[in-house]
Amino acid sequence: MIKVKVTKNIIRKTKNTLGLSMKQIIIALIAVFLGIILYVSLRNTVSLSALMWIIFIEMASIIMFGVVNIQGQSLMQYIIKIFKGVDIRPYDSKGVFSNDVFSEKNKK
């Protein structure tokens, strides 16, 4: 019989519901609650199809900014980081060719 090694992060069970964290579920519930408030407040002033489009766009944008994660950050945090510019690190990072052997060869 063939044995396969499986890393722990694959077999680790998470406590997420539907793959969402508690923060993401709360944001989705807030979006639904705001959609209901928007429907109740505008149902007599706007046509039903236009109202549904407004509610859909409002809910989708709130859920998108709260639920979507890029590189471990929410979408809003990621967009803010993009607009800040290049990530400058205060420490001296060494790349592939910045080791001692390479620097000794350059001195010769």
N, C-alpha and C. Protein backbone atom coordinates (compact mmCIF):
# COMPACT_ATOMS: atom_id res chain seq x y z
N MET A 1 0.85 -1.18 0.00
CA MET A 1 0.00 0.00 0.00
C MET A 1 0.90 1.25 0.00
N ILE A 2 0.53 2.24 -0.76
CA ILE A 2 1.30 3.46 -0.89
C ILE A 2 0.92 4.42 0.24
N LYS A 3 1.96 4.98 0.89
CA LYS A 3 1.72 5.94 1.95
C LYS A 3 1.99 7.34 1.41
N VAL A 4 1.14 8.25 1.78
CA VAL A 4 1.28 9.63 1.34
C VAL A 4 1.36 10.52 2.57
N LYS A 5 2.34 11.43 2.56
CA LYS A 5 2.44 12.38 3.66
C LYS A 5 1.56 13.59 3.35
N VAL A 6 0.74 13.95 4.32
CA VAL A 6 -0.16 15.08 4.16
C VAL A 6 0.22 16.11 5.22
N THR A 7 0.41 17.34 4.80
CA THR A 7 0.79 18.37 5.76
C THR A 7 -0.37 18.68 6.69
N LYS A 8 -0.03 19.22 7.85
CA LYS A 8 -1.05 19.45 8.87
C LYS A 8 -2.02 20.55 8.49
N ASN A 9 -1.57 21.53 7.70
CA ASN A 9 -2.49 22.62 7.37
C ASN A 9 -3.60 22.17 6.44
N ILE A 10 -3.44 21.07 5.75
CA ILE A 10 -4.50 20.54 4.89
C ILE A 10 -5.54 19.79 5.72
N ILE A 11 -5.07 19.01 6.68
CA ILE A 11 -6.00 18.21 7.46
C ILE A 11 -6.54 18.93 8.68
N ARG A 12 -6.02 20.12 8.98
CA ARG A 12 -6.49 20.89 10.11
C ARG A 12 -7.93 21.35 9.87
N LYS A 13 -8.78 21.09 10.82
CA LYS A 13 -10.17 21.51 10.69
C LYS A 13 -10.33 22.92 11.25
N THR A 14 -11.02 23.76 10.51
CA THR A 14 -11.23 25.13 10.97
C THR A 14 -12.62 25.25 11.58
N LYS A 15 -12.79 26.30 12.33
CA LYS A 15 -14.08 26.55 12.97
C LYS A 15 -14.89 27.56 12.18
N ASN A 16 -14.62 27.67 10.91
CA ASN A 16 -15.34 28.62 10.07
C ASN A 16 -16.64 28.01 9.58
N THR A 17 -17.62 28.85 9.41
CA THR A 17 -18.89 28.43 8.86
C THR A 17 -18.91 28.81 7.38
N LEU A 18 -19.11 27.84 6.53
CA LEU A 18 -19.13 28.04 5.07
C LEU A 18 -17.82 28.66 4.57
N GLY A 19 -16.73 28.46 5.29
CA GLY A 19 -15.45 29.02 4.89
C GLY A 19 -15.30 30.48 5.22
N LEU A 20 -16.19 31.03 6.02
CA LEU A 20 -16.13 32.45 6.38
C LEU A 20 -15.79 32.58 7.86
N SER A 21 -15.00 33.60 8.18
CA SER A 21 -14.69 33.87 9.57
C SER A 21 -15.86 34.61 10.22
N MET A 22 -15.78 34.77 11.53
CA MET A 22 -16.85 35.45 12.25
C MET A 22 -16.96 36.90 11.79
N LYS A 23 -15.83 37.56 11.53
CA LYS A 23 -15.84 38.95 11.05
C LYS A 23 -16.57 39.05 9.71
N GLN A 24 -16.32 38.11 8.81
CA GLN A 24 -16.95 38.13 7.50
C GLN A 24 -18.44 37.88 7.59
N ILE A 25 -18.86 37.00 8.49
CA ILE A 25 -20.29 36.72 8.68
C ILE A 25 -21.00 37.96 9.23
N ILE A 26 -20.36 38.64 10.18
CA ILE A 26 -20.96 39.85 10.76
C ILE A 26 -21.10 40.93 9.70
N ILE A 27 -20.08 41.10 8.85
CA ILE A 27 -20.15 42.10 7.78
C ILE A 27 -21.27 41.76 6.80
N ALA A 28 -21.43 40.49 6.47
CA ALA A 28 -22.50 40.09 5.57
C ALA A 28 -23.87 40.34 6.20
N LEU A 29 -24.01 40.09 7.50
CA LEU A 29 -25.28 40.37 8.18
C LEU A 29 -25.57 41.86 8.24
N ILE A 30 -24.53 42.66 8.43
CA ILE A 30 -24.72 44.12 8.41
C ILE A 30 -25.20 44.57 7.04
N ALA A 31 -24.62 44.00 5.98
CA ALA A 31 -25.04 44.36 4.62
C ALA A 31 -26.49 43.98 4.37
N VAL A 32 -26.91 42.82 4.84
CA VAL A 32 -28.31 42.40 4.68
C VAL A 32 -29.23 43.33 5.48
N PHE A 33 -28.83 43.68 6.69
CA PHE A 33 -29.63 44.58 7.52
C PHE A 33 -29.78 45.95 6.85
N LEU A 34 -28.67 46.48 6.31
CA LEU A 34 -28.74 47.77 5.61
C LEU A 34 -29.58 47.68 4.34
N GLY A 35 -29.55 46.53 3.68
CA GLY A 35 -30.40 46.33 2.50
C GLY A 35 -31.87 46.35 2.86
N ILE A 36 -32.22 45.75 3.99
CA ILE A 36 -33.62 45.76 4.44
C ILE A 36 -34.05 47.18 4.79
N ILE A 37 -33.18 47.91 5.50
CA ILE A 37 -33.51 49.30 5.84
C ILE A 37 -33.68 50.14 4.59
N LEU A 38 -32.82 49.95 3.61
CA LEU A 38 -32.90 50.69 2.36
C LEU A 38 -34.20 50.37 1.62
N TYR A 39 -34.59 49.10 1.62
CA TYR A 39 -35.84 48.70 0.96
C TYR A 39 -37.05 49.35 1.62
N VAL A 40 -37.08 49.28 2.95
CA VAL A 40 -38.23 49.83 3.68
C VAL A 40 -38.32 51.35 3.48
N SER A 41 -37.17 52.02 3.45
CA SER A 41 -37.21 53.48 3.34
C SER A 41 -37.50 53.98 1.93
N LEU A 42 -37.17 53.21 0.89
CA LEU A 42 -37.34 53.68 -0.49
C LEU A 42 -38.40 52.95 -1.30
N ARG A 43 -39.15 52.04 -0.70
CA ARG A 43 -40.08 51.21 -1.48
C ARG A 43 -41.21 52.00 -2.13
N ASN A 44 -41.60 53.13 -1.57
CA ASN A 44 -42.70 53.91 -2.14
C ASN A 44 -42.23 55.03 -3.06
N THR A 45 -40.93 55.29 -3.08
CA THR A 45 -40.43 56.42 -3.87
C THR A 45 -39.73 56.00 -5.15
N VAL A 46 -39.20 54.79 -5.22
CA VAL A 46 -38.42 54.33 -6.37
C VAL A 46 -39.10 53.08 -6.91
N SER A 47 -39.01 52.88 -8.24
CA SER A 47 -39.60 51.66 -8.82
C SER A 47 -38.88 50.43 -8.26
N LEU A 48 -39.58 49.31 -8.28
CA LEU A 48 -39.06 48.10 -7.65
C LEU A 48 -37.77 47.62 -8.31
N SER A 49 -37.70 47.65 -9.65
CA SER A 49 -36.49 47.16 -10.31
C SER A 49 -35.29 48.06 -10.02
N ALA A 50 -35.49 49.37 -10.00
CA ALA A 50 -34.40 50.29 -9.66
C ALA A 50 -33.98 50.11 -8.20
N LEU A 51 -34.96 49.91 -7.33
CA LEU A 51 -34.66 49.70 -5.92
C LEU A 51 -33.85 48.43 -5.69
N MET A 52 -34.20 47.37 -6.39
CA MET A 52 -33.45 46.12 -6.25
C MET A 52 -32.01 46.26 -6.74
N TRP A 53 -31.82 47.04 -7.83
CA TRP A 53 -30.45 47.29 -8.30
C TRP A 53 -29.66 48.09 -7.27
N ILE A 54 -30.28 49.09 -6.67
CA ILE A 54 -29.60 49.89 -5.65
C ILE A 54 -29.21 49.03 -4.45
N ILE A 55 -30.15 48.19 -4.01
CA ILE A 55 -29.88 47.32 -2.87
C ILE A 55 -28.79 46.30 -3.21
N PHE A 56 -28.83 45.74 -4.41
CA PHE A 56 -27.83 44.77 -4.82
C PHE A 56 -26.43 45.39 -4.84
N ILE A 57 -26.32 46.58 -5.40
CA ILE A 57 -25.01 47.24 -5.47
C ILE A 57 -24.51 47.59 -4.07
N GLU A 58 -25.40 48.06 -3.22
CA GLU A 58 -25.02 48.39 -1.85
C GLU A 58 -24.55 47.16 -1.09
N MET A 59 -25.31 46.08 -1.16
CA MET A 59 -24.95 44.87 -0.44
C MET A 59 -23.69 44.23 -1.00
N ALA A 60 -23.57 44.20 -2.32
CA ALA A 60 -22.39 43.59 -2.94
C ALA A 60 -21.12 44.35 -2.58
N SER A 61 -21.20 45.67 -2.56
CA SER A 61 -20.00 46.45 -2.24
C SER A 61 -19.59 46.27 -0.79
N ILE A 62 -20.54 46.27 0.13
CA ILE A 62 -20.20 46.07 1.55
C ILE A 62 -19.63 44.67 1.77
N ILE A 63 -20.26 43.67 1.19
CA ILE A 63 -19.77 42.30 1.37
C ILE A 63 -18.41 42.13 0.70
N MET A 64 -18.22 42.73 -0.48
CA MET A 64 -16.95 42.59 -1.18
C MET A 64 -15.82 43.19 -0.36
N PHE A 65 -16.02 44.37 0.20
CA PHE A 65 -14.95 45.00 0.97
C PHE A 65 -14.69 44.30 2.29
N GLY A 66 -15.63 43.54 2.80
CA GLY A 66 -15.44 42.86 4.07
C GLY A 66 -15.04 41.41 3.97
N VAL A 67 -15.47 40.73 2.92
CA VAL A 67 -15.28 39.29 2.84
C VAL A 67 -14.07 38.91 1.98
N VAL A 68 -13.82 39.64 0.90
CA VAL A 68 -12.73 39.28 0.00
C VAL A 68 -11.40 39.52 0.69
N ASN A 69 -10.53 38.51 0.67
CA ASN A 69 -9.20 38.61 1.25
C ASN A 69 -8.16 38.45 0.16
N ILE A 70 -7.20 39.37 0.12
CA ILE A 70 -6.08 39.28 -0.81
C ILE A 70 -4.81 39.34 0.03
N GLN A 71 -4.00 38.33 -0.06
CA GLN A 71 -2.75 38.23 0.69
C GLN A 71 -2.97 38.41 2.19
N GLY A 72 -4.03 37.83 2.69
CA GLY A 72 -4.31 37.87 4.12
C GLY A 72 -4.89 39.18 4.62
N GLN A 73 -5.28 40.08 3.73
CA GLN A 73 -5.84 41.37 4.12
C GLN A 73 -7.22 41.51 3.50
N SER A 74 -8.06 42.30 4.16
CA SER A 74 -9.35 42.58 3.54
C SER A 74 -9.11 43.45 2.30
N LEU A 75 -10.08 43.50 1.44
CA LEU A 75 -9.94 44.25 0.19
C LEU A 75 -9.68 45.72 0.46
N MET A 76 -10.32 46.29 1.47
CA MET A 76 -10.11 47.70 1.79
C MET A 76 -8.68 47.95 2.26
N GLN A 77 -8.15 47.09 3.12
CA GLN A 77 -6.77 47.23 3.58
C GLN A 77 -5.80 47.09 2.41
N TYR A 78 -6.09 46.18 1.50
CA TYR A 78 -5.22 45.97 0.34
C TYR A 78 -5.22 47.19 -0.58
N ILE A 79 -6.39 47.79 -0.81
CA ILE A 79 -6.47 48.98 -1.67
C ILE A 79 -5.73 50.15 -1.02
N ILE A 80 -5.88 50.32 0.30
CA ILE A 80 -5.16 51.39 0.99
C ILE A 80 -3.66 51.18 0.88
N LYS A 81 -3.21 49.94 1.01
CA LYS A 81 -1.78 49.65 0.91
C LYS A 81 -1.26 49.92 -0.50
N ILE A 82 -2.06 49.67 -1.52
CA ILE A 82 -1.65 49.95 -2.90
C ILE A 82 -1.46 51.45 -3.10
N PHE A 83 -2.37 52.26 -2.57
CA PHE A 83 -2.27 53.70 -2.76
C PHE A 83 -1.16 54.35 -1.93
N LYS A 84 -0.69 53.66 -0.88
CA LYS A 84 0.41 54.20 -0.10
C LYS A 84 1.73 54.16 -0.87
N GLY A 85 1.84 53.27 -1.82
CA GLY A 85 3.06 53.19 -2.63
C GLY A 85 3.88 51.97 -2.28
N VAL A 86 5.17 52.07 -2.60
CA VAL A 86 6.08 50.95 -2.42
C VAL A 86 6.28 50.66 -0.94
N ASP A 87 6.32 49.38 -0.61
CA ASP A 87 6.53 48.95 0.76
C ASP A 87 8.02 49.06 1.07
N ILE A 88 8.40 50.05 1.87
CA ILE A 88 9.80 50.27 2.22
C ILE A 88 10.06 49.59 3.55
N ARG A 89 11.08 48.76 3.56
CA ARG A 89 11.40 48.02 4.77
C ARG A 89 12.65 48.61 5.42
N PRO A 90 12.61 48.86 6.71
CA PRO A 90 13.73 49.55 7.35
C PRO A 90 14.97 48.68 7.57
N TYR A 91 14.89 47.39 7.38
CA TYR A 91 16.04 46.53 7.63
C TYR A 91 16.75 46.21 6.32
N ASP A 92 17.97 45.76 6.44
CA ASP A 92 18.79 45.43 5.28
C ASP A 92 18.47 44.01 4.85
N SER A 93 17.73 43.88 3.78
CA SER A 93 17.38 42.55 3.30
C SER A 93 18.42 42.09 2.29
N LYS A 94 18.73 40.82 2.33
CA LYS A 94 19.72 40.27 1.42
C LYS A 94 19.00 39.47 0.35
N GLY A 95 19.40 39.70 -0.87
CA GLY A 95 18.81 38.97 -1.98
C GLY A 95 19.60 37.71 -2.28
N VAL A 96 19.39 37.16 -3.43
CA VAL A 96 20.03 35.91 -3.83
C VAL A 96 21.53 36.09 -3.99
N PHE A 97 21.96 37.20 -4.57
CA PHE A 97 23.37 37.39 -4.89
C PHE A 97 24.09 38.27 -3.88
N SER A 98 23.57 38.48 -2.70
CA SER A 98 24.22 39.35 -1.73
C SER A 98 24.79 38.57 -0.56
N ASN A 99 25.31 37.38 -0.81
CA ASN A 99 25.91 36.61 0.26
C ASN A 99 27.42 36.89 0.31
N ASP A 100 28.09 36.31 1.27
CA ASP A 100 29.51 36.58 1.47
C ASP A 100 30.37 36.06 0.33
N VAL A 101 30.02 34.92 -0.24
CA VAL A 101 30.81 34.34 -1.33
C VAL A 101 30.78 35.25 -2.55
N PHE A 102 29.63 35.77 -2.85
CA PHE A 102 29.51 36.65 -4.01
C PHE A 102 30.29 37.94 -3.81
N SER A 103 30.23 38.50 -2.61
CA SER A 103 30.95 39.75 -2.37
C SER A 103 32.47 39.54 -2.39
N GLU A 104 32.96 38.37 -1.96
CA GLU A 104 34.40 38.08 -2.02
C GLU A 104 34.87 37.92 -3.47
N LYS A 105 34.04 37.35 -4.33
CA LYS A 105 34.41 37.20 -5.74
C LYS A 105 34.48 38.55 -6.42
N ASN A 106 33.64 39.48 -6.04
CA ASN A 106 33.66 40.82 -6.63
C ASN A 106 34.88 41.62 -6.20
N LYS A 107 35.40 41.35 -4.99
CA LYS A 107 36.57 42.07 -4.50
C LYS A 107 37.85 41.67 -5.25
N LYS A 108 37.89 40.44 -5.76
CA LYS A 108 39.10 39.94 -6.44
C LYS A 108 39.27 40.50 -7.79
